[in-house]
Amino acid sequence: MSKFIERQKKIYKSLKFCFCPALQKTVHFTSDGLNHLLYYRRRPRNHQERHYRAALISNIVEVIEHAMQAINVIRSDDPLIVTWSLTHHIRGQGMVKVILKQEGAGTVKFLSAMANKKTKKPRA
């Protein structure tokens, strides 16, 4: 694994819980979130994708603390699984999206982060 990824992993592991005003809940950072940034369905993401997602780690807390609204999606009713999507503009990165997850009455956990990519208009 590259030195950059190792540094970003240390940064992630140093993150403490933070408060999300949009949800009015505390968000916790677990190994599931870090694994989701670096792996997809238990397989390592490609090199470019790993670096792109790892580079967002230093912006996660800022997005959670400054997002104005959360988009709620219920993934499952039994057991209840709820995810939220938060977006916030980060200088130099553009819009960054963070996904949070809560299972049942458990804690809200960080799940993933990605930059919102602008889509090109289709050619006529």
C-alpha atoms as a PDB file:
ATOM      1  CA  MET A   1       0.000   0.000   0.000  1.00  0.00           C
ATOM      2  CA  SER A   2       1.286   3.492  -0.813  1.00  0.00           C
ATOM      3  CA  LYS A   3       2.604   5.911   1.784  1.00  0.00           C
ATOM      4  CA  PHE A   4      -0.219   8.315   0.916  1.00  0.00           C
ATOM      5  CA  ILE A   5      -2.862   5.693   1.724  1.00  0.00           C
ATOM      6  CA  GLU A   6      -1.074   4.826   4.985  1.00  0.00           C
ATOM      7  CA  ARG A   7      -1.049   8.535   5.998  1.00  0.00           C
ATOM      8  CA  GLN A   8      -4.735   8.885   5.169  1.00  0.00           C
ATOM      9  CA  LYS A   9      -5.553   5.749   7.187  1.00  0.00           C
ATOM     10  CA  LYS A  10      -3.796   7.283  10.215  1.00  0.00           C
ATOM     11  CA  ILE A  11      -5.803  10.485   9.759  1.00  0.00           C
ATOM     12  CA  TYR A  12      -9.051   8.479   9.580  1.00  0.00           C
ATOM     13  CA  LYS A  13      -8.191   6.444  12.673  1.00  0.00           C
ATOM     14  CA  SER A  14      -7.517   9.677  14.586  1.00  0.00           C
ATOM     15  CA  LEU A  15     -11.023  11.020  13.848  1.00  0.00           C
ATOM     16  CA  LYS A  16     -13.279  11.238  16.881  1.00  0.00           C
ATOM     17  CA  PHE A  17     -17.047  11.411  16.739  1.00  0.00           C
ATOM     18  CA  CYS A  18     -18.548  14.727  15.601  1.00  0.00           C
ATOM     19  CA  PHE A  19     -21.983  16.366  15.730  1.00  0.00           C
ATOM     20  CA  CYS A  20     -24.053  16.705  12.549  1.00  0.00           C
ATOM     21  CA  PRO A  21     -26.411  19.726  12.772  1.00  0.00           C
ATOM     22  CA  ALA A  22     -28.417  18.546   9.743  1.00  0.00           C
ATOM     23  CA  LEU A  23     -29.351  15.320  11.563  1.00  0.00           C
ATOM     24  CA  GLN A  24     -29.075  16.611  15.118  1.00  0.00           C
ATOM     25  CA  LYS A  25     -27.079  13.445  15.876  1.00  0.00           C
ATOM     26  CA  THR A  26     -23.523  12.429  16.666  1.00  0.00           C
ATOM     27  CA  VAL A  27     -21.614  10.625  13.906  1.00  0.00           C
ATOM     28  CA  HIS A  28     -19.072   7.911  14.716  1.00  0.00           C
ATOM     29  CA  PHE A  29     -16.168   6.754  12.552  1.00  0.00           C
ATOM     30  CA  THR A  30     -15.746   2.976  12.377  1.00  0.00           C
ATOM     31  CA  SER A  31     -13.546   0.625  10.407  1.00  0.00           C
ATOM     32  CA  ASP A  32     -16.527  -0.025   8.102  1.00  0.00           C
ATOM     33  CA  GLY A  33     -16.235   3.509   6.740  1.00  0.00           C
ATOM     34  CA  LEU A  34     -12.508   3.228   6.105  1.00  0.00           C
ATOM     35  CA  ASN A  35     -12.947  -0.185   4.492  1.00  0.00           C
ATOM     36  CA  HIS A  36     -15.676   1.151   2.210  1.00  0.00           C
ATOM     37  CA  LEU A  37     -13.368   3.927   0.993  1.00  0.00           C
ATOM     38  CA  LEU A  38     -10.610   1.473   0.079  1.00  0.00           C
ATOM     39  CA  TYR A  39     -12.588  -1.648  -0.873  1.00  0.00           C
ATOM     40  CA  TYR A  40     -15.705  -2.524  -2.859  1.00  0.00           C
ATOM     41  CA  ARG A  41     -17.436  -5.819  -2.100  1.00  0.00           C
ATOM     42  CA  ARG A  42     -14.345  -7.018  -0.207  1.00  0.00           C
ATOM     43  CA  ARG A  43     -12.071  -6.396  -3.188  1.00  0.00           C
ATOM     44  CA  PRO A  44      -9.570  -3.536  -3.303  1.00  0.00           C
ATOM     45  CA  ARG A  45     -10.703  -0.580  -5.379  1.00  0.00           C
ATOM     46  CA  ASN A  46      -8.404   0.274  -8.278  1.00  0.00           C
ATOM     47  CA  HIS A  47      -5.385   2.462  -7.522  1.00  0.00           C
ATOM     48  CA  GLN A  48      -6.913   5.682  -8.853  1.00  0.00           C
ATOM     49  CA  GLU A  49     -10.209   5.187  -6.984  1.00  0.00           C
ATOM     50  CA  ARG A  50      -8.432   4.391  -3.697  1.00  0.00           C
ATOM     51  CA  HIS A  51      -6.351   7.573  -3.901  1.00  0.00           C
ATOM     52  CA  TYR A  52      -9.310   9.717  -4.929  1.00  0.00           C
ATOM     53  CA  ARG A  53     -11.446   8.488  -2.011  1.00  0.00           C
ATOM     54  CA  ALA A  54      -8.575   8.522   0.505  1.00  0.00           C
ATOM     55  CA  ALA A  55      -7.861  12.159  -0.397  1.00  0.00           C
ATOM     56  CA  LEU A  56     -11.375  13.048   0.827  1.00  0.00           C
ATOM     57  CA  ILE A  57     -10.720  11.744   4.356  1.00  0.00           C
ATOM     58  CA  SER A  58      -9.418  15.104   5.567  1.00  0.00           C
ATOM     59  CA  ASN A  59     -12.704  16.756   4.456  1.00  0.00           C
ATOM     60  CA  ILE A  60     -15.207  14.321   5.990  1.00  0.00           C
ATOM     61  CA  VAL A  61     -15.697  16.131   9.310  1.00  0.00           C
ATOM     62  CA  GLU A  62     -16.078  19.511   7.578  1.00  0.00           C
ATOM     63  CA  VAL A  63     -18.844  18.147   5.347  1.00  0.00           C
ATOM     64  CA  ILE A  64     -20.661  16.548   8.306  1.00  0.00           C
ATOM     65  CA  GLU A  65     -20.436  19.680  10.447  1.00  0.00           C
ATOM     66  CA  HIS A  66     -21.361  22.178   7.701  1.00  0.00           C
ATOM     67  CA  ALA A  67     -23.934  20.403   5.511  1.00  0.00           C
ATOM     68  CA  MET A  68     -27.195  22.326   5.606  1.00  0.00           C
ATOM     69  CA  GLN A  69     -29.509  19.382   4.911  1.00  0.00           C
ATOM     70  CA  ALA A  70     -29.491  15.602   4.855  1.00  0.00           C
ATOM     71  CA  ILE A  71     -31.287  13.523   2.250  1.00  0.00           C
ATOM     72  CA  ASN A  72     -32.831  10.494   3.964  1.00  0.00           C
ATOM     73  CA  VAL A  73     -33.178   7.074   2.319  1.00  0.00           C
ATOM     74  CA  ILE A  74     -34.658   4.028   4.096  1.00  0.00           C
ATOM     75  CA  ARG A  75     -32.769   0.994   2.822  1.00  0.00           C
ATOM     76  CA  SER A  76     -34.609  -1.701   4.754  1.00  0.00           C
ATOM     77  CA  ASP A  77     -37.547  -2.021   7.119  1.00  0.00           C
ATOM     78  CA  ASP A  78     -36.565  -5.229   8.917  1.00  0.00           C
ATOM     79  CA  PRO A  79     -34.062  -4.540  10.313  1.00  0.00           C
ATOM     80  CA  LEU A  80     -34.447  -0.790   9.881  1.00  0.00           C
ATOM     81  CA  ILE A  81     -31.474   0.628   7.975  1.00  0.00           C
ATOM     82  CA  VAL A  82     -31.422   4.337   7.190  1.00  0.00           C
ATOM     83  CA  THR A  83     -28.802   6.209   5.170  1.00  0.00           C
ATOM     84  CA  TRP A  84     -28.339   9.934   4.729  1.00  0.00           C
ATOM     85  CA  SER A  85     -26.524  11.856   2.035  1.00  0.00           C
ATOM     86  CA  LEU A  86     -24.849  15.141   2.999  1.00  0.00           C
ATOM     87  CA  THR A  87     -23.178  17.532   0.560  1.00  0.00           C
ATOM     88  CA  HIS A  88     -20.978  20.534   1.163  1.00  0.00           C
ATOM     89  CA  HIS A  89     -18.692  22.595  -1.069  1.00  0.00           C
ATOM     90  CA  ILE A  90     -15.008  22.194  -0.169  1.00  0.00           C
ATOM     91  CA  ARG A  91     -12.559  24.736  -1.562  1.00  0.00           C
ATOM     92  CA  GLY A  92     -10.308  23.026  -4.091  1.00  0.00           C
ATOM     93  CA  GLN A  93     -12.411  19.835  -4.127  1.00  0.00           C
ATOM     94  CA  GLY A  94     -15.829  21.076  -5.250  1.00  0.00           C
ATOM     95  CA  MET A  95     -18.947  19.413  -3.883  1.00  0.00           C
ATOM     96  CA  VAL A  96     -18.153  16.522  -1.573  1.00  0.00           C
ATOM     97  CA  LYS A  97     -20.836  13.997  -0.656  1.00  0.00           C
ATOM     98  CA  VAL A  98     -20.746  12.000   2.574  1.00  0.00           C
ATOM     99  CA  ILE A  99     -22.965   8.991   3.256  1.00  0.00           C
ATOM    100  CA  LEU A 100     -24.007   8.164   6.826  1.00  0.00           C
ATOM    101  CA  LYS A 101     -25.758   5.004   8.017  1.00  0.00           C
ATOM    102  CA  GLN A 102     -27.826   3.956  11.031  1.00  0.00           C
ATOM    103  CA  GLU A 103     -28.970   0.411  11.720  1.00  0.00           C
ATOM    104  CA  GLY A 104     -31.999   0.138  13.992  1.00  0.00           C
ATOM    105  CA  ALA A 105     -31.638   2.342  17.063  1.00  0.00           C
ATOM    106  CA  GLY A 106     -27.826   2.149  16.863  1.00  0.00           C
ATOM    107  CA  THR A 107     -25.356   4.968  16.382  1.00  0.00           C
ATOM    108  CA  VAL A 108     -25.012   6.963  13.184  1.00  0.00           C
ATOM    109  CA  LYS A 109     -21.838   5.909  11.404  1.00  0.00           C
ATOM    110  CA  PHE A 110     -19.805   7.314   8.539  1.00  0.00           C
ATOM    111  CA  LEU A 111     -20.096   5.016   5.526  1.00  0.00           C
ATOM    112  CA  SER A 112     -18.541   6.683   2.484  1.00  0.00           C
ATOM    113  CA  ALA A 113     -17.355   9.873   0.787  1.00  0.00           C
ATOM    114  CA  MET A 114     -17.141  10.928  -2.825  1.00  0.00           C
ATOM    115  CA  ALA A 115     -16.769  14.088  -4.877  1.00  0.00           C
ATOM    116  CA  ASN A 116     -19.844  14.994  -6.881  1.00  0.00           C
ATOM    117  CA  LYS A 117     -18.715  14.777 -10.455  1.00  0.00           C
ATOM    118  CA  LYS A 118     -20.307  17.172 -12.884  1.00  0.00           C
ATOM    119  CA  THR A 119     -21.962  15.407 -15.755  1.00  0.00           C
ATOM    120  CA  LYS A 120     -21.336  16.625 -19.268  1.00  0.00           C
ATOM    121  CA  LYS A 121     -24.238  17.687 -21.435  1.00  0.00           C
ATOM    122  CA  PRO A 122     -24.978  15.140 -24.150  1.00  0.00           C
ATOM    123  CA  ARG A 123     -23.899  16.141 -27.627  1.00  0.00           C
ATOM    124  CA  ALA A 124     -26.662  16.999 -30.036  1.00  0.00           C
END
